[in-house]
């Protein structure tokens, strides 16, 4: 009898797994959360979307001057703590892919390797905690989907695209998070990390398979 029960349970688990593959947004009434991450060694931005694309929560976790291991544990721990009280019970994760080449004169080979290590550790930690494989998404790919570009490459191109992304994200993020300002009136640096994470989350949400109608999630 116990063998039969075990067999039924195994088949049921396989069935749930099958539903997960075919319908990644909705499983038996479960609310799927879409998590976007912009990982860096100084500050990691994160945004949680509902299965209808609405921003539920967001934030940024500072981790400057920590070892890669300590930074990854701190960042993942704080994000998971924030996710604990959400209605989401199933997850899709997009993570901004790490740079493969120097992003400017201040970048070194050491900093590139450190960023890649941090990114890899975050993928593993989030996979183990949420049972969802994070999808690496190049920043340019995500921005291109929404027509976000700084035009011709220039000396100020990186700063310009950051401002464009910030303005794009603001109306979506503002119901749950207001950009914080410095004394000079400029937006604080971590807000740009949140904006980048939003674009990654929005791209992940927009590209997920939608083979069945999606229910509205609870407010």
Foldseek 3Di string as FASTA:
>chain_A
DVVVVVVVVVVVVVVQVVCCVQAVQDGPHAKEKQKFWEDAQAKIKMFIATLVGATDDIDMDGHPPHQLVVSLCRRLVVVVVVVPPDSHQAYAYEYAAQDPDDPDPVDDPVRSVSGNSSSVSNQVSCCVVRVYGYHHDHLVRLCVVVPQAQPDDDPCRVVSSLVSLLVVCCVRCVVHDDFDADPVRHGDPNSSNNSSRSSRSSSRSVPDDHPDDDDDDDD
